[in-house]
Protein backbone atom coordinates (compact mmCIF):
# COMPACT_ATOMS: atom_id res chain seq x y z
CA MET A 1 -104.65 -13.93 74.06
CA LYS A 2 -104.50 -9.72 72.06
CA LEU A 3 -103.04 -8.70 69.15
CA ARG A 4 -101.86 -5.74 67.49
CA VAL A 5 -102.21 -4.76 64.17
CA THR A 6 -100.87 -3.06 62.48
CA VAL A 7 -101.71 -1.38 58.76
CA PHE A 8 -99.77 1.01 56.99
CA PRO A 9 -100.23 2.23 52.92
CA LYS A 10 -97.99 0.57 50.34
CA ALA A 11 -95.12 1.93 49.12
CA CYS A 12 -96.05 2.52 46.25
CA VAL A 13 -99.37 4.55 47.56
CA LEU A 14 -99.21 7.99 47.75
CA ASP A 15 -99.74 9.19 52.00
CA PRO A 16 -100.71 12.99 51.89
CA GLN A 17 -101.48 12.69 55.25
CA GLY A 18 -97.57 11.74 55.88
CA LYS A 19 -96.20 14.67 53.75
CA ALA A 20 -98.08 16.91 55.36
CA ILE A 21 -96.80 15.74 58.74
CA GLU A 22 -93.04 15.37 57.14
CA ARG A 23 -93.61 19.70 56.08
CA ALA A 24 -95.42 20.05 58.99
CA LEU A 25 -92.06 19.03 61.24
CA GLY A 26 -89.97 20.48 58.89
CA GLY A 27 -91.72 23.97 59.57
CA LEU A 28 -91.11 23.88 63.23
CA GLY A 29 -87.61 23.36 63.12
CA PHE A 30 -87.57 19.40 63.01
CA SER A 31 -84.35 18.93 60.66
CA GLY A 32 -83.38 15.69 59.08
CA VAL A 33 -87.08 14.13 59.38
CA GLY A 34 -87.65 11.96 55.93
CA GLU A 35 -90.33 10.01 55.34
CA VAL A 36 -93.80 10.32 57.00
CA ARG A 37 -95.79 6.96 56.21
CA THR A 38 -98.93 7.46 58.21
CA GLY A 39 -101.20 4.07 59.61
CA LYS A 40 -102.49 2.63 61.98
CA VAL A 41 -103.10 0.36 64.96
CA MET A 42 -105.74 -1.82 66.30
CA ILE A 43 -105.45 -4.31 69.59
CA VAL A 44 -107.67 -6.59 69.15
CA GLU A 45 -108.71 -8.96 71.86
CA THR A 46 -109.18 -12.66 71.18
CA ALA A 47 -110.35 -15.86 73.13
CA GLU A 48 -108.06 -17.98 71.36
CA THR A 49 -105.36 -19.06 73.73
CA ASP A 50 -103.10 -20.32 71.38
CA ALA A 51 -100.25 -18.14 69.71
CA ALA A 52 -99.87 -19.52 66.03
CA ARG A 53 -103.82 -19.65 65.97
CA ALA A 54 -104.54 -16.36 67.53
CA LYS A 55 -102.13 -14.97 64.99
CA ALA A 56 -103.83 -16.87 62.13
CA ALA A 57 -106.87 -15.56 63.13
CA GLY A 58 -105.68 -11.71 63.72
CA GLU A 59 -104.31 -12.21 59.48
CA GLU A 60 -107.64 -13.63 58.61
CA MET A 61 -109.46 -10.41 60.22
CA ALA A 62 -107.21 -8.26 58.42
CA ARG A 63 -107.35 -9.47 55.12
CA LYS A 64 -111.35 -10.12 55.38
CA LEU A 65 -112.01 -5.94 57.04
CA LEU A 66 -109.24 -4.70 58.71
CA ALA A 67 -107.48 -3.27 55.80
CA ASN A 68 -107.38 -3.03 52.13
CA THR A 69 -104.93 -5.10 51.14
CA VAL A 70 -104.77 -3.15 47.31
CA ILE A 71 -103.37 -0.30 48.36
CA GLU A 72 -102.20 -1.10 52.24
CA SER A 73 -100.04 -3.92 54.22
CA PHE A 74 -100.18 -4.93 57.72
CA THR A 75 -98.65 -7.00 60.74
CA VAL A 76 -100.04 -9.11 63.02
CA GLU A 77 -97.85 -9.17 66.72
CA ILE A 78 -99.21 -11.08 69.47
CA VAL A 79 -99.09 -8.27 72.46
């Protein structure tokens, strides 16, 4: 089973890379662009066949290694 783990900075954390992209898009003529937040997406393949257990394992992986839960939030989806 494959999992998609998406990690983003928490809303209260500054995202300088997102701000740089936001300004660059405006400079390229893309009007109406709001806030840009950058993150990372990981696809994790697991041998687990039960969806609930696979998702629980993915959440544990994110808490222990894939995300810094002090400054980042994450979601785990079955793909």
